[in-house]
Amino acid sequence: MLSGFNTNVRHGSRLFHVQSEDSGRNHPHIITHLYYRGTIVASEKSSYADRLEAPDLPDVVKGLMETQHKAVLRRLVSGQFDAAIRERLGADALPADPGDTRQTTPAELAGAAAETDATTLREPSREVESEAPASERPLDEVILDYLVENARQRKRRSK
């Protein structure tokens, strides 16, 4: 069982927390929660039961966790969770005015990167076999793309 990934990221004027965890060999699934101030706004769950025999299971699970974690971060910053955020937290949870969207600054991003942790986990008790999916880009590249796109959007709005 791997302990997981944790990332704080600003969306609009709010700071959200994304947490991904492995439930272990007995419950082979990965769950990622999107939190705002302790409230779960959305969740993603995926099974890896079909990969329990992989000889490199810890690496397989870590790759799956990282991919799912990044996907939830991308969906958050692209606005795909906005309806769920408003539904769970109220209509005023995100600003209605697109000009009122304070984005993560580079200093805050550095702090979020420092807070993002992937801790070492207990290894499964037996070796197994399967192919690990190719991991997508590293999280810092995803965050950098997010910052660049937000800068472009701010520049367009200021014209």
Foldseek 3Di string as FASTA:
>chain_A
DWAWKWFWFAWFNFIKIKTWGAPDDVFAKIKIFIDGPRDTLDMDMDGPNVFPQQQPVVVQVVLVRQQVRLVVVVCRNVCVSVVSQCVVPNVPSHDPDPVRGDGQDPVNVVVRVVVIDGDGDDDHPDGGRDDRDDHDDDPVVSVVVSVVVVVVVVVVVVD
